[in-house]
Amino acid sequence: MHKNLEREVEMYCDSEVAPHREVPHSEKKSLYKNWPLMSSIIAYCVFTLHDTAYSEIFSLWAVSDKKYGGLSFSSKDVGQVLAASGAGLLLYQIFVYRHVHKYLGSIISSRIAAVLSIPLLATYPFMTHLSGTKLGLAIYCAAVMKGAFATTILTGTCILQNSAVPQNQRGAANGISTTAMSLFKAIAPAGAGVLFSWAQKRQHAAFFPGMLLIY
């Protein structure tokens, strides 16, 4: 009877331990073969590159003289635009984005923001023909909208990355994503500076002259 009791206890312990067995490393899906994860990381890196380059170029473009396609802003004017953009972005993140994500989801909201960013940026070179209140209203609205679109895209791709992998692989997935994103962010300022300098020299080119090359 004592032996039967010991056998039952061993069987019970085995049944308790079995469900908690770790999945062998060989059975785990490789992150590099996880296409939903890799595609979201690629999109995240590309938009990070774009957003960082935009941040670098915007101030240089705004303080440039109008004859070079700029806005002839002072440093104070640029600071005010960036401050307004930051305040609008904060309000968007706190009060608006959760509703956008709730009704549209990560994929659709990111797609819409990416598509709307194209015509928005295309209007920037033509702002040099505005002045006074019209210019101020246009640049403030454009800066706030650009910040909101960038936040929607980057936040959406971040959510997609974490949704593409199980909980036990999220640390590694975010490590890969952050490393790749840092590389693109390091390249963006240098690339933006070269592109801006080239655009300044092409004021009378036949194909995408001046700021049309950038925006």
Protein backbone atom coordinates (compact mmCIF):
# COMPACT_ATOMS: atom_id res chain seq x y z
CA MET A 1 0.00 0.00 0.00
CA HIS A 2 2.89 2.33 0.81
CA LYS A 3 4.42 1.68 -2.63
CA ASN A 4 1.12 2.40 -4.38
CA LEU A 5 0.80 5.70 -2.51
CA GLU A 6 4.32 6.74 -3.55
CA ARG A 7 3.54 5.86 -7.18
CA GLU A 8 0.36 7.97 -7.12
CA VAL A 9 2.27 10.92 -5.63
CA GLU A 10 4.94 10.67 -8.36
CA MET A 11 2.28 10.53 -11.09
CA TYR A 12 0.53 13.58 -9.62
CA CYS A 13 3.81 15.54 -9.48
CA ASP A 14 4.60 14.63 -13.08
CA SER A 15 1.18 15.82 -14.21
CA GLU A 16 1.70 19.15 -12.41
CA VAL A 17 5.18 19.74 -13.85
CA ALA A 18 4.43 18.69 -17.44
CA PRO A 19 2.33 21.70 -18.50
CA HIS A 20 5.08 24.07 -17.34
CA ARG A 21 7.76 22.50 -19.50
CA GLU A 22 9.69 25.09 -21.56
CA VAL A 23 9.48 24.91 -25.31
CA PRO A 24 12.80 23.69 -26.76
CA HIS A 25 14.81 26.35 -28.54
CA SER A 26 14.71 24.37 -31.78
CA GLU A 27 10.89 24.48 -31.76
CA LYS A 28 10.72 28.27 -31.43
CA LYS A 29 10.03 30.14 -34.64
CA SER A 30 13.00 32.18 -35.85
CA LEU A 31 12.36 35.91 -35.59
CA TYR A 32 14.16 36.53 -38.88
CA LYS A 33 11.73 34.19 -40.66
CA ASN A 34 8.71 35.89 -39.10
CA TRP A 35 7.59 38.01 -42.06
CA PRO A 36 4.90 40.03 -40.20
CA LEU A 37 7.57 41.06 -37.67
CA MET A 38 10.25 41.82 -40.28
CA SER A 39 7.85 43.82 -42.46
CA SER A 40 6.72 45.93 -39.51
CA ILE A 41 10.36 46.52 -38.49
CA ILE A 42 11.23 47.61 -42.04
CA ALA A 43 8.28 50.02 -42.09
CA TYR A 44 9.25 51.31 -38.64
CA CYS A 45 12.85 51.94 -39.71
CA VAL A 46 11.87 53.66 -42.98
CA PHE A 47 9.44 56.03 -41.26
CA THR A 48 11.97 56.69 -38.48
CA LEU A 49 14.51 57.65 -41.15
CA HIS A 50 11.94 59.91 -42.80
CA ASP A 51 10.84 61.56 -39.56
CA THR A 52 14.41 62.20 -38.37
CA ALA A 53 15.41 63.64 -41.74
CA TYR A 54 12.31 65.87 -41.71
CA SER A 55 13.19 67.17 -38.24
CA GLU A 56 16.71 68.04 -39.40
CA ILE A 57 15.65 69.70 -42.64
CA PHE A 58 12.64 71.64 -41.36
CA SER A 59 14.61 74.14 -39.28
CA LEU A 60 17.21 74.67 -42.03
CA TRP A 61 14.47 75.21 -44.60
CA ALA A 62 12.49 77.60 -42.41
CA VAL A 63 15.46 79.93 -41.73
CA SER A 64 16.60 79.92 -45.37
CA ASP A 65 15.99 83.01 -47.47
CA LYS A 66 12.91 83.00 -49.69
CA LYS A 67 15.06 83.26 -52.80
CA TYR A 68 16.35 79.79 -51.93
CA GLY A 69 12.86 78.42 -51.36
CA GLY A 70 12.82 78.97 -47.58
CA LEU A 71 10.56 81.00 -45.32
CA SER A 72 13.05 83.63 -44.04
CA PHE A 73 12.10 82.77 -40.45
CA SER A 74 14.14 83.83 -37.46
CA SER A 75 15.30 81.34 -34.84
CA LYS A 76 12.50 82.61 -32.58
CA ASP A 77 9.88 81.91 -35.25
CA VAL A 78 11.17 78.38 -35.77
CA GLY A 79 11.12 77.77 -32.02
CA GLN A 80 7.51 78.91 -31.80
CA VAL A 81 6.47 76.60 -34.63
CA LEU A 82 8.24 73.64 -33.02
CA ALA A 83 6.70 74.47 -29.62
CA ALA A 84 3.21 74.60 -31.13
CA SER A 85 3.87 71.35 -32.95
CA GLY A 86 4.99 69.68 -29.71
CA ALA A 87 1.94 70.94 -27.80
CA GLY A 88 -0.39 69.72 -30.54
CA LEU A 89 1.37 66.37 -30.59
CA LEU A 90 0.97 65.99 -26.82
CA LEU A 91 -2.77 66.69 -27.02
CA TYR A 92 -3.12 64.29 -29.94
CA GLN A 93 -1.40 61.48 -28.05
CA ILE A 94 -3.45 62.00 -24.89
CA PHE A 95 -6.93 62.65 -26.27
CA VAL A 96 -7.14 61.61 -29.92
CA TYR A 97 -4.87 58.69 -30.79
CA ARG A 98 -6.64 56.11 -28.60
CA HIS A 99 -9.90 56.76 -30.47
CA VAL A 100 -8.12 56.54 -33.83
CA HIS A 101 -6.60 53.20 -32.84
CA LYS A 102 -9.89 51.93 -31.42
CA TYR A 103 -11.93 52.56 -34.56
CA LEU A 104 -9.31 52.08 -37.30
CA GLY A 105 -6.71 49.75 -35.82
CA SER A 106 -2.94 49.89 -36.22
CA ILE A 107 -2.70 48.92 -39.88
CA ILE A 108 -5.42 51.11 -41.36
CA SER A 109 -4.52 54.16 -39.26
CA SER A 110 -0.85 53.84 -40.27
CA ARG A 111 -1.77 53.52 -43.94
CA ILE A 112 -4.07 56.54 -43.86
CA ALA A 113 -1.46 58.64 -42.05
CA ALA A 114 1.24 57.61 -44.54
CA VAL A 115 -0.94 58.46 -47.54
CA LEU A 116 -2.02 61.84 -46.11
CA SER A 117 1.59 62.74 -45.33
CA ILE A 118 2.43 62.81 -49.05
CA PRO A 119 0.15 65.70 -50.13
CA LEU A 120 0.85 67.51 -46.85
CA LEU A 121 4.61 67.55 -47.46
CA ALA A 122 4.05 68.46 -51.11
CA THR A 123 2.55 71.79 -49.96
CA TYR A 124 5.68 72.88 -48.08
CA PRO A 125 7.67 74.32 -51.05
CA PHE A 126 4.71 76.51 -52.04
CA MET A 127 4.49 78.13 -48.59
CA THR A 128 7.37 80.37 -49.59
CA HIS A 129 4.86 82.38 -51.65
CA LEU A 130 2.79 83.17 -48.54
CA SER A 131 3.43 85.84 -45.94
CA GLY A 132 2.03 87.22 -42.71
CA THR A 133 -0.97 85.54 -41.12
CA LYS A 134 -1.53 83.17 -44.04
CA LEU A 135 2.01 81.82 -43.77
CA GLY A 136 1.78 81.48 -39.99
CA LEU A 137 -1.54 79.63 -40.14
CA ALA A 138 -0.33 77.32 -42.91
CA ILE A 139 2.97 76.38 -41.28
CA TYR A 140 1.49 75.89 -37.80
CA CYS A 141 -1.28 73.63 -39.11
CA ALA A 142 1.12 71.69 -41.33
CA ALA A 143 3.62 71.14 -38.50
CA VAL A 144 0.95 69.89 -36.10
CA MET A 145 -0.58 67.58 -38.72
CA LYS A 146 2.84 66.22 -39.70
CA GLY A 147 3.60 65.41 -36.06
CA ALA A 148 0.25 63.67 -35.63
CA PHE A 149 0.74 61.59 -38.77
CA ALA A 150 4.27 60.60 -37.71
CA THR A 151 3.05 59.55 -34.27
CA THR A 152 0.24 57.49 -35.77
CA ILE A 153 2.60 55.66 -38.11
CA LEU A 154 5.39 54.98 -35.61
CA THR A 155 3.04 53.95 -32.80
CA GLY A 156 1.06 51.72 -35.14
CA THR A 157 4.16 49.93 -36.43
CA CYS A 158 5.39 49.48 -32.84
CA ILE A 159 2.10 47.82 -31.89
CA LEU A 160 2.29 45.60 -34.98
CA GLN A 161 5.78 44.45 -34.01
CA ASN A 162 4.66 43.34 -30.57
CA SER A 163 1.53 41.68 -31.96
CA ALA A 164 3.56 39.66 -34.47
CA VAL A 165 5.44 37.63 -31.84
CA PRO A 166 4.47 35.67 -28.71
CA GLN A 167 5.14 37.11 -25.27
CA ASN A 168 8.37 35.16 -24.74
CA GLN A 169 9.94 36.61 -27.92
CA ARG A 170 8.98 40.26 -27.52
CA GLY A 171 12.21 41.20 -25.77
CA ALA A 172 14.34 39.88 -28.63
CA ALA A 173 12.00 41.37 -31.25
CA ASN A 174 12.15 44.82 -29.67
CA GLY A 175 15.93 44.51 -29.41
CA ILE A 176 16.22 43.87 -33.15
CA SER A 177 13.81 46.69 -33.91
CA THR A 178 15.58 49.22 -31.69
CA THR A 179 19.00 48.33 -33.09
CA ALA A 180 17.84 48.73 -36.68
CA MET A 181 15.97 51.94 -35.86
CA SER A 182 19.07 53.42 -34.18
CA LEU A 183 21.12 52.70 -37.30
CA PHE A 184 18.60 54.50 -39.51
CA LYS A 185 18.40 57.42 -37.06
CA ALA A 186 22.19 57.74 -37.20
CA ILE A 187 22.17 57.89 -40.99
CA ALA A 188 19.25 60.33 -41.31
CA PRO A 189 20.92 63.63 -40.19
CA ALA A 190 23.91 63.21 -42.50
CA GLY A 191 21.70 62.22 -45.42
CA ALA A 192 19.32 65.10 -44.74
CA GLY A 193 22.17 67.61 -44.68
CA VAL A 194 23.57 66.38 -47.98
CA LEU A 195 20.12 66.41 -49.61
CA PHE A 196 19.36 69.92 -48.35
CA SER A 197 22.71 71.27 -49.59
CA TRP A 198 22.14 69.68 -52.99
CA ALA A 199 18.63 71.14 -53.21
CA GLN A 200 19.96 74.63 -52.45
CA LYS A 201 22.26 74.38 -55.48
CA ARG A 202 19.46 73.27 -57.82
CA GLN A 203 17.25 76.35 -57.73
CA HIS A 204 16.85 76.50 -61.51
CA ALA A 205 17.02 72.81 -62.39
CA ALA A 206 14.49 71.43 -64.87
CA PHE A 207 13.62 68.40 -62.72
CA PHE A 208 12.48 69.01 -59.11
CA PRO A 209 14.21 72.36 -58.58
CA GLY A 210 15.11 73.55 -55.09
CA MET A 211 12.87 72.43 -52.24
CA LEU A 212 10.71 70.35 -54.58
CA LEU A 213 13.56 67.83 -54.52
CA ILE A 214 13.18 67.42 -50.74
CA TYR A 215 9.44 67.65 -50.19
